[in-house]
Amino acid sequence: MNMKRLLFSAFAAVMLAGCSPKIVSNLTSAHQALPQDVEVVVLGPETPGPDNAELLGQIKIGDSGFTTKNGTYPEVLELAKEEARKAGGNVVKVVEHKGPDMVSSIHRITAQILRVEDVASLDEAEDVQTVSSHPDYAVIYFYRDAGTGPLVTYDVHVGETKVYRSKVNTKAEVKIYEEGELEVWARTEAKEILPLTVKKGRDYYVRTGVTIGIMVGRPSFDIVPAESGRTEYELIKDR
């Protein structure tokens, strides 16, 4: 009986590990590991790396073959941050990013692990981004990629106005001309509300999805940092 439990536990551990993305690190240099509460700055593919950075190595995060969790872009970046801390790095510079496609259902990245003396001098992705091209209004970018409950669709409202139909592989750009607090909401078997305070000249990225419910599933909203949100949004091939 004990042997059966041991074999089952070992099998469960292997399956659990296989459900997460595959991480491959190639370090050429390393420092003492950083504490978990030390923030690591992420620089996207379009942002140049700092000139004074020390290159510690490269990391690849991809599909293990049957990855079922931790596969969104923000989650993959968090895994990269963890690996950077282990190597004593405080900057992750994304070199290549691939979104979900016919090959894989998760986001995959190749990134450099860097170390700089003054990490505070670098600009980290924020929840919103100031954009000078539209100073008279804010923009909310709604989108939905592959995920839980692909057959469940629902209408997204801003206040009393329907602005977007949430279904897999769709997106919508919504302009907001009044500053202040507003209510983003949707309803399936239950009503889900996202309070949002908007300011003119800013972009807000809201990933929609479905969480487990009693019968159908519940709407979900996630405010995504500007850099990763913009990348995820652009990868959506709207039907």
C-alpha atoms as a PDB file:
ATOM      1  CA  MET A   1       0.000   0.000   0.000  1.00  0.00           C
ATOM      2  CA  ASN A   2       2.798   2.403   0.931  1.00  0.00           C
ATOM      3  CA  MET A   3       4.624   1.526  -2.299  1.00  0.00           C
ATOM      4  CA  LYS A   4       1.490   2.342  -4.307  1.00  0.00           C
ATOM      5  CA  ARG A   5       1.170   5.690  -2.569  1.00  0.00           C
ATOM      6  CA  LEU A   6       4.842   6.417  -3.225  1.00  0.00           C
ATOM      7  CA  LEU A   7       4.500   5.581  -6.923  1.00  0.00           C
ATOM      8  CA  PHE A   8       1.335   7.663  -7.185  1.00  0.00           C
ATOM      9  CA  SER A   9       3.010  10.636  -5.480  1.00  0.00           C
ATOM     10  CA  ALA A  10       6.001  10.386  -7.798  1.00  0.00           C
ATOM     11  CA  PHE A  11       3.726  10.196 -10.846  1.00  0.00           C
ATOM     12  CA  ALA A  12       1.681  13.180  -9.647  1.00  0.00           C
ATOM     13  CA  ALA A  13       4.850  15.211  -9.103  1.00  0.00           C
ATOM     14  CA  VAL A  14       6.058  14.459 -12.629  1.00  0.00           C
ATOM     15  CA  MET A  15       2.674  15.360 -14.119  1.00  0.00           C
ATOM     16  CA  LEU A  16       2.487  18.581 -12.101  1.00  0.00           C
ATOM     17  CA  ALA A  17       5.952  19.618 -13.243  1.00  0.00           C
ATOM     18  CA  GLY A  18       5.068  18.807 -16.828  1.00  0.00           C
ATOM     19  CA  CYS A  19       2.028  21.080 -16.683  1.00  0.00           C
ATOM     20  CA  SER A  20       4.258  24.134 -16.248  1.00  0.00           C
ATOM     21  CA  PRO A  21       6.357  25.765 -18.980  1.00  0.00           C
ATOM     22  CA  LYS A  22       9.809  24.347 -19.678  1.00  0.00           C
ATOM     23  CA  ILE A  23      12.694  26.552 -18.472  1.00  0.00           C
ATOM     24  CA  VAL A  24      16.186  26.274 -19.962  1.00  0.00           C
ATOM     25  CA  SER A  25      18.933  28.499 -18.511  1.00  0.00           C
ATOM     26  CA  ASN A  26      22.383  29.017 -19.989  1.00  0.00           C
ATOM     27  CA  LEU A  27      24.397  31.077 -17.520  1.00  0.00           C
ATOM     28  CA  THR A  28      27.883  32.367 -18.284  1.00  0.00           C
ATOM     29  CA  SER A  29      28.224  34.269 -15.013  1.00  0.00           C
ATOM     30  CA  ALA A  30      26.379  34.396 -11.722  1.00  0.00           C
ATOM     31  CA  HIS A  31      26.201  36.354  -8.487  1.00  0.00           C
ATOM     32  CA  GLN A  32      24.706  35.561  -5.109  1.00  0.00           C
ATOM     33  CA  ALA A  33      20.986  34.905  -5.410  1.00  0.00           C
ATOM     34  CA  LEU A  34      18.716  37.874  -4.724  1.00  0.00           C
ATOM     35  CA  PRO A  35      15.875  37.757  -2.177  1.00  0.00           C
ATOM     36  CA  GLN A  36      12.359  37.147  -3.462  1.00  0.00           C
ATOM     37  CA  ASP A  37      11.236  40.652  -2.510  1.00  0.00           C
ATOM     38  CA  VAL A  38      13.822  42.294  -4.802  1.00  0.00           C
ATOM     39  CA  GLU A  39      12.089  43.630  -7.883  1.00  0.00           C
ATOM     40  CA  VAL A  40      13.365  42.602 -11.305  1.00  0.00           C
ATOM     41  CA  VAL A  41      12.860  44.991 -14.221  1.00  0.00           C
ATOM     42  CA  VAL A  42      11.531  43.553 -17.481  1.00  0.00           C
ATOM     43  CA  LEU A  43      12.501  45.153 -20.787  1.00  0.00           C
ATOM     44  CA  GLY A  44      10.477  44.168 -23.841  1.00  0.00           C
ATOM     45  CA  PRO A  45      11.786  43.203 -27.284  1.00  0.00           C
ATOM     46  CA  GLU A  46      11.487  46.785 -28.532  1.00  0.00           C
ATOM     47  CA  THR A  47      13.349  48.307 -25.562  1.00  0.00           C
ATOM     48  CA  PRO A  48      17.154  48.388 -25.825  1.00  0.00           C
ATOM     49  CA  GLY A  49      19.148  46.916 -22.960  1.00  0.00           C
ATOM     50  CA  PRO A  50      21.146  49.264 -20.718  1.00  0.00           C
ATOM     51  CA  ASP A  51      24.700  49.966 -21.926  1.00  0.00           C
ATOM     52  CA  ASN A  52      26.289  49.371 -18.530  1.00  0.00           C
ATOM     53  CA  ALA A  53      24.637  45.994 -17.846  1.00  0.00           C
ATOM     54  CA  GLU A  54      26.542  42.800 -17.083  1.00  0.00           C
ATOM     55  CA  LEU A  55      25.284  39.833 -19.094  1.00  0.00           C
ATOM     56  CA  LEU A  56      24.796  36.807 -16.845  1.00  0.00           C
ATOM     57  CA  GLY A  57      23.323  34.492 -19.445  1.00  0.00           C
ATOM     58  CA  GLN A  58      20.250  33.583 -21.434  1.00  0.00           C
ATOM     59  CA  ILE A  59      16.990  31.896 -20.569  1.00  0.00           C
ATOM     60  CA  LYS A  60      14.340  30.191 -22.687  1.00  0.00           C
ATOM     61  CA  ILE A  61      10.843  29.492 -21.432  1.00  0.00           C
ATOM     62  CA  GLY A  62       8.673  27.350 -23.670  1.00  0.00           C
ATOM     63  CA  ASP A  63       6.158  24.559 -23.920  1.00  0.00           C
ATOM     64  CA  SER A  64       6.955  21.333 -22.082  1.00  0.00           C
ATOM     65  CA  GLY A  65       4.787  19.378 -24.488  1.00  0.00           C
ATOM     66  CA  PHE A  66       1.593  19.407 -22.438  1.00  0.00           C
ATOM     67  CA  THR A  67       1.744  22.710 -20.587  1.00  0.00           C
ATOM     68  CA  THR A  68      -1.604  23.643 -19.058  1.00  0.00           C
ATOM     69  CA  LYS A  69      -0.777  26.411 -16.585  1.00  0.00           C
ATOM     70  CA  ASN A  70       1.398  29.500 -16.070  1.00  0.00           C
ATOM     71  CA  GLY A  71       1.390  30.153 -19.797  1.00  0.00           C
ATOM     72  CA  THR A  72       0.149  33.755 -20.107  1.00  0.00           C
ATOM     73  CA  TYR A  73       2.705  36.424 -20.942  1.00  0.00           C
ATOM     74  CA  PRO A  74       2.744  37.970 -17.419  1.00  0.00           C
ATOM     75  CA  GLU A  75       3.088  34.491 -15.863  1.00  0.00           C
ATOM     76  CA  VAL A  76       5.993  33.593 -18.160  1.00  0.00           C
ATOM     77  CA  LEU A  77       7.684  36.888 -17.283  1.00  0.00           C
ATOM     78  CA  GLU A  78       7.290  36.090 -13.572  1.00  0.00           C
ATOM     79  CA  LEU A  79       9.053  32.757 -14.162  1.00  0.00           C
ATOM     80  CA  ALA A  80      11.856  34.633 -15.926  1.00  0.00           C
ATOM     81  CA  LYS A  81      12.136  37.021 -12.974  1.00  0.00           C
ATOM     82  CA  GLU A  82      12.486  34.082 -10.583  1.00  0.00           C
ATOM     83  CA  GLU A  83      15.330  32.642 -12.666  1.00  0.00           C
ATOM     84  CA  ALA A  84      17.006  36.048 -12.798  1.00  0.00           C
ATOM     85  CA  ARG A  85      16.935  36.347  -9.004  1.00  0.00           C
ATOM     86  CA  LYS A  86      18.498  32.898  -8.654  1.00  0.00           C
ATOM     87  CA  ALA A  87      21.414  34.065 -10.837  1.00  0.00           C
ATOM     88  CA  GLY A  88      21.741  37.405  -9.036  1.00  0.00           C
ATOM     89  CA  GLY A  89      20.286  39.353 -11.945  1.00  0.00           C
ATOM     90  CA  ASN A  90      17.920  42.289 -11.649  1.00  0.00           C
ATOM     91  CA  VAL A  91      16.960  42.823 -15.303  1.00  0.00           C
ATOM     92  CA  VAL A  92      15.227  40.518 -17.793  1.00  0.00           C
ATOM     93  CA  LYS A  93      15.654  41.694 -21.386  1.00  0.00           C
ATOM     94  CA  VAL A  94      13.213  39.862 -23.664  1.00  0.00           C
ATOM     95  CA  VAL A  95      14.892  39.118 -27.001  1.00  0.00           C
ATOM     96  CA  GLU A  96      12.155  37.071 -28.648  1.00  0.00           C
ATOM     97  CA  HIS A  97       8.507  36.547 -27.790  1.00  0.00           C
ATOM     98  CA  LYS A  98       6.058  34.144 -29.431  1.00  0.00           C
ATOM     99  CA  GLY A  99       2.399  34.127 -28.552  1.00  0.00           C
ATOM    100  CA  PRO A 100      -0.049  31.202 -28.651  1.00  0.00           C
ATOM    101  CA  ASP A 101      -0.295  29.669 -32.116  1.00  0.00           C
ATOM    102  CA  MET A 102      -0.764  26.350 -33.897  1.00  0.00           C
ATOM    103  CA  VAL A 103       2.427  25.019 -32.282  1.00  0.00           C
ATOM    104  CA  SER A 104       1.745  25.939 -28.660  1.00  0.00           C
ATOM    105  CA  SER A 105      -1.090  27.315 -26.539  1.00  0.00           C
ATOM    106  CA  ILE A 106       1.240  29.352 -24.285  1.00  0.00           C
ATOM    107  CA  HIS A 107       3.552  32.344 -24.581  1.00  0.00           C
ATOM    108  CA  ARG A 108       7.245  31.535 -25.150  1.00  0.00           C
ATOM    109  CA  ILE A 109      10.246  33.808 -24.688  1.00  0.00           C
ATOM    110  CA  THR A 110      13.998  33.977 -25.103  1.00  0.00           C
ATOM    111  CA  ALA A 111      15.547  36.526 -22.764  1.00  0.00           C
ATOM    112  CA  GLN A 112      18.852  37.783 -21.407  1.00  0.00           C
ATOM    113  CA  ILE A 113      19.503  37.925 -17.677  1.00  0.00           C
ATOM    114  CA  LEU A 114      21.329  41.154 -16.847  1.00  0.00           C
ATOM    115  CA  ARG A 115      22.685  42.861 -13.774  1.00  0.00           C
ATOM    116  CA  VAL A 116      22.951  46.628 -13.315  1.00  0.00           C
ATOM    117  CA  GLU A 117      24.145  48.682 -10.372  1.00  0.00           C
ATOM    118  CA  ASP A 118      21.261  51.176 -10.397  1.00  0.00           C
ATOM    119  CA  VAL A 119      18.101  49.315 -11.311  1.00  0.00           C
ATOM    120  CA  ALA A 120      15.973  52.271 -10.195  1.00  0.00           C
ATOM    121  CA  SER A 121      17.168  54.231 -13.215  1.00  0.00           C
ATOM    122  CA  LEU A 122      15.376  51.854 -15.565  1.00  0.00           C
ATOM    123  CA  ASP A 123      11.734  52.266 -16.493  1.00  0.00           C
ATOM    124  CA  GLU A 124       9.657  49.215 -15.620  1.00  0.00           C
ATOM    125  CA  ALA A 125       6.376  48.440 -17.296  1.00  0.00           C
ATOM    126  CA  GLU A 126       3.431  50.081 -15.503  1.00  0.00           C
ATOM    127  CA  ASP A 127      -0.247  49.248 -15.340  1.00  0.00           C
ATOM    128  CA  VAL A 128      -0.926  52.182 -17.642  1.00  0.00           C
ATOM    129  CA  GLN A 129       1.089  54.034 -20.228  1.00  0.00           C
ATOM    130  CA  THR A 130       1.038  57.765 -20.949  1.00  0.00           C
ATOM    131  CA  VAL A 131       0.528  58.324 -24.661  1.00  0.00           C
ATOM    132  CA  SER A 132       0.902  61.789 -26.161  1.00  0.00           C
ATOM    133  CA  SER A 133      -0.926  60.799 -29.354  1.00  0.00           C
ATOM    134  CA  HIS A 134      -4.365  61.022 -27.690  1.00  0.00           C
ATOM    135  CA  PRO A 135      -4.260  63.625 -24.893  1.00  0.00           C
ATOM    136  CA  ASP A 136      -8.020  64.220 -25.098  1.00  0.00           C
ATOM    137  CA  TYR A 137      -9.158  60.700 -24.248  1.00  0.00           C
ATOM    138  CA  ALA A 138      -8.128  57.388 -22.670  1.00  0.00           C
ATOM    139  CA  VAL A 139      -8.182  54.029 -24.435  1.00  0.00           C
ATOM    140  CA  ILE A 140      -9.176  50.682 -22.942  1.00  0.00           C
ATOM    141  CA  TYR A 141      -7.932  47.701 -24.943  1.00  0.00           C
ATOM    142  CA  PHE A 142     -10.099  44.654 -24.253  1.00  0.00           C
ATOM    143  CA  TYR A 143      -8.958  41.280 -25.513  1.00  0.00           C
ATOM    144  CA  ARG A 144      -9.237  37.550 -24.956  1.00  0.00           C
ATOM    145  CA  ASP A 145      -6.778  34.839 -25.982  1.00  0.00           C
ATOM    146  CA  ALA A 146      -7.023  31.062 -25.605  1.00  0.00           C
ATOM    147  CA  GLY A 147      -7.911  29.909 -22.127  1.00  0.00           C
ATOM    148  CA  THR A 148     -10.520  28.330 -19.866  1.00  0.00           C
ATOM    149  CA  GLY A 149     -14.084  28.064 -21.110  1.00  0.00           C
ATOM    150  CA  PRO A 150     -13.601  28.794 -24.835  1.00  0.00           C
ATOM    151  CA  LEU A 151     -17.291  28.122 -25.532  1.00  0.00           C
ATOM    152  CA  VAL A 152     -18.454  30.719 -22.992  1.00  0.00           C
ATOM    153  CA  THR A 153     -18.962  34.190 -24.455  1.00  0.00           C
ATOM    154  CA  TYR A 154     -20.411  37.324 -22.901  1.00  0.00           C
ATOM    155  CA  ASP A 155     -20.935  41.065 -23.395  1.00  0.00           C
ATOM    156  CA  VAL A 156     -18.617  43.534 -21.677  1.00  0.00           C
ATOM    157  CA  HIS A 157     -20.087  46.872 -20.606  1.00  0.00           C
ATOM    158  CA  VAL A 158     -18.595  50.182 -19.570  1.00  0.00           C
ATOM    159  CA  GLY A 159     -21.316  51.693 -17.442  1.00  0.00           C
ATOM    160  CA  GLU A 160     -24.548  51.074 -19.314  1.00  0.00           C
ATOM    161  CA  THR A 161     -22.891  50.763 -22.732  1.00  0.00           C
ATOM    162  CA  LYS A 162     -22.011  47.441 -24.335  1.00  0.00           C
ATOM    163  CA  VAL A 163     -18.503  47.829 -25.790  1.00  0.00           C
ATOM    164  CA  TYR A 164     -17.182  44.342 -26.535  1.00  0.00           C
ATOM    165  CA  ARG A 165     -18.219  40.721 -27.016  1.00  0.00           C
ATOM    166  CA  SER A 166     -15.704  38.575 -25.140  1.00  0.00           C
ATOM    167  CA  LYS A 167     -14.846  35.398 -27.016  1.00  0.00           C
ATOM    168  CA  VAL A 168     -11.591  33.617 -27.807  1.00  0.00           C
ATOM    169  CA  ASN A 169      -9.217  35.393 -30.180  1.00  0.00           C
ATOM    170  CA  THR A 170     -11.004  38.750 -30.243  1.00  0.00           C
ATOM    171  CA  LYS A 171     -10.144  42.281 -29.196  1.00  0.00           C
ATOM    172  CA  ALA A 172     -11.638  45.767 -29.099  1.00  0.00           C
ATOM    173  CA  GLU A 173     -10.344  49.320 -28.678  1.00  0.00           C
ATOM    174  CA  VAL A 174     -12.635  51.567 -26.629  1.00  0.00           C
ATOM    175  CA  LYS A 175     -12.102  55.327 -26.304  1.00  0.00           C
ATOM    176  CA  ILE A 176     -13.119  57.007 -23.046  1.00  0.00           C
ATOM    177  CA  TYR A 177     -13.569  60.797 -23.159  1.00  0.00           C
ATOM    178  CA  GLU A 178     -14.414  61.454 -19.504  1.00  0.00           C
ATOM    179  CA  GLU A 179     -11.857  61.095 -16.705  1.00  0.00           C
ATOM    180  CA  GLY A 180     -12.713  59.482 -13.397  1.00  0.00           C
ATOM    181  CA  GLU A 181     -14.054  56.245 -11.986  1.00  0.00           C
ATOM    182  CA  LEU A 182     -16.048  53.908 -14.166  1.00  0.00           C
ATOM    183  CA  GLU A 183     -17.404  50.377 -13.916  1.00  0.00           C
ATOM    184  CA  VAL A 184     -16.480  47.619 -16.340  1.00  0.00           C
ATOM    185  CA  TRP A 185     -18.789  44.647 -15.935  1.00  0.00           C
ATOM    186  CA  ALA A 186     -20.131  41.483 -17.507  1.00  0.00           C
ATOM    187  CA  ARG A 187     -22.604  38.785 -16.556  1.00  0.00           C
ATOM    188  CA  THR A 188     -22.992  35.064 -17.216  1.00  0.00           C
ATOM    189  CA  GLU A 189     -24.292  33.064 -14.265  1.00  0.00           C
ATOM    190  CA  ALA A 190     -22.982  35.867 -12.049  1.00  0.00           C
ATOM    191  CA  LYS A 191     -22.037  39.513 -12.498  1.00  0.00           C
ATOM    192  CA  GLU A 192     -18.353  40.423 -12.368  1.00  0.00           C
ATOM    193  CA  ILE A 193     -17.302  44.063 -11.858  1.00  0.00           C
ATOM    194  CA  LEU A 194     -13.956  45.747 -12.514  1.00  0.00           C
ATOM    195  CA  PRO A 195     -13.699  49.259 -11.008  1.00  0.00           C
ATOM    196  CA  LEU A 196     -11.372  51.383 -13.123  1.00  0.00           C
ATOM    197  CA  THR A 197     -10.147  54.958 -12.738  1.00  0.00           C
ATOM    198  CA  VAL A 198      -9.139  56.436 -16.078  1.00  0.00           C
ATOM    199  CA  LYS A 199      -7.161  59.503 -17.080  1.00  0.00           C
ATOM    200  CA  LYS A 200      -6.934  61.106 -20.494  1.00  0.00           C
ATOM    201  CA  GLY A 201      -3.841  60.268 -22.531  1.00  0.00           C
ATOM    202  CA  ARG A 202      -3.433  56.807 -21.025  1.00  0.00           C
ATOM    203  CA  ASP A 203      -3.813  53.245 -22.292  1.00  0.00           C
ATOM    204  CA  TYR A 204      -5.370  50.452 -20.218  1.00  0.00           C
ATOM    205  CA  TYR A 205      -5.089  46.783 -21.189  1.00  0.00           C
ATOM    206  CA  VAL A 206      -7.822  44.475 -19.857  1.00  0.00           C
ATOM    207  CA  ARG A 207      -7.572  40.748 -20.531  1.00  0.00           C
ATOM    208  CA  THR A 208     -10.966  39.046 -20.335  1.00  0.00           C
ATOM    209  CA  GLY A 209     -11.596  35.381 -19.716  1.00  0.00           C
ATOM    210  CA  VAL A 210     -13.630  32.819 -17.812  1.00  0.00           C
ATOM    211  CA  THR A 211     -13.187  31.349 -14.358  1.00  0.00           C
ATOM    212  CA  ILE A 212     -14.849  28.206 -13.045  1.00  0.00           C
ATOM    213  CA  GLY A 213     -18.443  28.665 -11.982  1.00  0.00           C
ATOM    214  CA  ILE A 214     -21.298  26.464 -10.817  1.00  0.00           C
ATOM    215  CA  MET A 215     -22.974  25.934 -14.181  1.00  0.00           C
ATOM    216  CA  VAL A 216     -21.522  28.056 -16.976  1.00  0.00           C
ATOM    217  CA  GLY A 217     -18.469  29.914 -15.725  1.00  0.00           C
ATOM    218  CA  ARG A 218     -17.891  33.453 -14.519  1.00  0.00           C
ATOM    219  CA  PRO A 219     -16.416  36.400 -16.431  1.00  0.00           C
ATOM    220  CA  SER A 220     -12.908  37.450 -15.372  1.00  0.00           C
ATOM    221  CA  PHE A 221     -10.981  40.694 -15.848  1.00  0.00           C
ATOM    222  CA  ASP A 222      -7.256  41.262 -15.450  1.00  0.00           C
ATOM    223  CA  ILE A 223      -5.527  44.636 -15.807  1.00  0.00           C
ATOM    224  CA  VAL A 224      -2.273  43.796 -17.581  1.00  0.00           C
ATOM    225  CA  PRO A 225       0.915  45.929 -17.386  1.00  0.00           C
ATOM    226  CA  ALA A 226       1.254  48.118 -20.479  1.00  0.00           C
ATOM    227  CA  GLU A 227       4.248  46.444 -22.066  1.00  0.00           C
ATOM    228  CA  SER A 228       2.994  42.863 -21.814  1.00  0.00           C
ATOM    229  CA  GLY A 229      -0.599  43.937 -22.463  1.00  0.00           C
ATOM    230  CA  ARG A 230       0.345  45.689 -25.666  1.00  0.00           C
ATOM    231  CA  THR A 231       2.242  42.614 -26.857  1.00  0.00           C
ATOM    232  CA  GLU A 232      -0.605  40.241 -26.018  1.00  0.00           C
ATOM    233  CA  TYR A 233      -3.124  42.558 -27.672  1.00  0.00           C
ATOM    234  CA  GLU A 234      -1.132  42.825 -30.888  1.00  0.00           C
ATOM    235  CA  LEU A 235      -0.788  39.036 -31.082  1.00  0.00           C
ATOM    236  CA  ILE A 236      -4.552  38.579 -31.155  1.00  0.00           C
ATOM    237  CA  LYS A 237      -5.737  37.905 -34.693  1.00  0.00           C
ATOM    238  CA  ASP A 238      -9.226  39.302 -34.427  1.00  0.00           C
ATOM    239  CA  ARG A 239     -11.850  37.317 -36.319  1.00  0.00           C
END
